[in-house]
Protein backbone atom coordinates (compact mmCIF):
# COMPACT_ATOMS: atom_id res chain seq x y z
CA MET A 1 -8.09 2.91 -27.84
CA LYS A 2 -7.93 2.13 -24.04
CA LYS A 3 -4.85 0.34 -22.45
CA TYR A 4 -2.88 -0.18 -19.77
CA SER A 5 -0.15 2.05 -18.16
CA TRP A 6 2.66 2.38 -15.51
CA ILE A 7 0.70 3.72 -13.18
CA SER A 8 -1.80 0.93 -13.22
CA TYR A 9 0.89 -1.40 -12.73
CA LEU A 10 2.76 0.34 -10.02
CA SER A 11 -0.86 1.68 -8.66
CA LEU A 12 -0.89 -2.23 -7.84
CA GLY A 13 2.24 -3.71 -7.35
CA LEU A 14 3.26 -1.13 -4.92
CA PRO A 15 0.56 -2.03 -2.24
CA ILE A 16 1.44 -5.79 -3.06
CA LEU A 17 5.09 -5.14 -2.37
CA LEU A 18 4.20 -3.17 0.88
CA PHE A 19 1.68 -5.79 2.30
CA LEU A 20 4.83 -8.57 1.70
CA LEU A 21 7.04 -6.29 3.42
CA LEU A 22 4.87 -5.77 6.37
CA PHE A 23 4.08 -9.24 6.89
CA ALA A 24 7.07 -11.08 5.67
CA VAL A 25 9.68 -9.98 8.20
CA ALA A 26 7.98 -11.10 11.23
CA ASP A 27 10.71 -10.51 13.93
CA ILE A 28 13.13 -8.02 13.15
CA GLU A 29 16.26 -7.19 15.34
CA PRO A 30 18.19 -4.73 13.83
CA LEU A 31 16.25 -1.30 14.90
CA VAL A 32 17.59 0.56 11.47
CA LEU A 33 15.72 -2.33 9.22
CA ALA A 34 12.59 -2.11 11.35
CA GLN A 35 12.36 2.02 11.29
CA THR A 36 13.26 2.17 7.65
CA ILE A 37 10.36 -0.67 6.78
CA LEU A 38 8.00 1.42 9.01
CA ILE A 39 8.95 4.36 6.95
CA ALA A 40 8.27 2.88 3.76
CA GLN A 41 5.08 1.96 4.88
CA LEU A 42 4.37 5.58 5.67
CA ILE A 43 5.04 6.90 2.53
CA GLY A 44 4.06 4.02 0.36
CA ALA A 45 0.68 3.52 1.60
CA PRO A 46 -0.46 6.93 0.74
CA LEU A 47 1.41 7.02 -2.47
CA SER A 48 -0.44 3.86 -3.69
CA ILE A 49 -3.31 5.49 -3.24
CA ILE A 50 -2.90 8.69 -5.46
CA LEU A 51 -1.23 6.32 -7.72
CA SER A 52 -4.69 4.56 -8.21
CA VAL A 53 -7.08 7.45 -8.41
CA ALA A 54 -4.77 9.15 -10.58
CA ALA A 55 -4.98 5.68 -12.56
CA LEU A 56 -8.56 6.40 -12.20
CA PHE A 57 -9.03 9.56 -14.12
CA LYS A 58 -7.01 9.10 -16.57
CA LYS A 59 -9.35 8.76 -19.66
CA ASN A 60 -7.36 6.55 -21.78
CA GLU A 61 -6.78 4.45 -19.05
CA LYS A 62 -8.56 0.56 -18.52
CA LYS A 63 -9.77 0.68 -15.06
CA VAL A 64 -9.40 -2.72 -13.69
CA VAL A 65 -6.43 -3.01 -12.73
CA ALA A 66 -6.32 0.72 -11.39
CA VAL A 67 -9.74 -0.59 -9.25
CA PHE A 68 -7.63 -3.70 -7.43
CA GLY A 69 -4.62 -1.23 -6.57
CA LEU A 70 -7.36 0.88 -5.06
CA ILE A 71 -8.83 -1.75 -2.90
CA ILE A 72 -5.50 -3.48 -2.05
CA SER A 73 -4.12 -0.26 -1.02
CA LEU A 74 -7.04 0.98 1.52
CA ASN A 75 -6.64 -2.55 2.95
CA LEU A 76 -3.41 -1.88 3.20
CA THR A 77 -3.96 1.19 4.89
CA GLY A 78 -6.67 -0.42 7.24
CA THR A 79 -3.81 -2.74 8.31
CA LEU A 80 -1.49 -0.05 9.56
CA VAL A 81 -3.66 1.84 11.47
CA TYR A 82 -4.57 -1.35 13.00
CA LEU A 83 -1.05 -2.14 14.14
CA LEU A 84 -1.10 1.35 14.78
CA LEU A 85 -3.57 1.74 17.56
CA LEU A 86 -2.74 -2.12 18.57
CA GLY A 87 0.29 -0.73 19.12
CA PHE A 88 -0.52 2.28 21.29
CA GLY A 89 -3.05 -0.11 23.40
CA MET A 90 -6.10 1.30 21.95
CA GLY A 91 -7.37 -1.57 19.99
CA GLU A 92 -7.49 -5.77 21.28
CA ALA A 93 -5.70 -7.74 19.52
């Protein structure tokens, strides 16, 4: 019988948490906090994609939560790339 495992829930919850962390803290004063958030984003975005793909390839796993996790993870990665390009002056706001 197929069911959801912790990998599916983590692949959905991690990008949602990272999105909230990215946009909830709008104007950060301490530089250490801003650097910590940036490092968490750069490590967490690929990790959430890897977890989503791993959940998709498990045999005894329902796929719906993993698919939503993958979609949100790809949106998060695209947003991070766009914001980084804006930071380097290569995009238009």
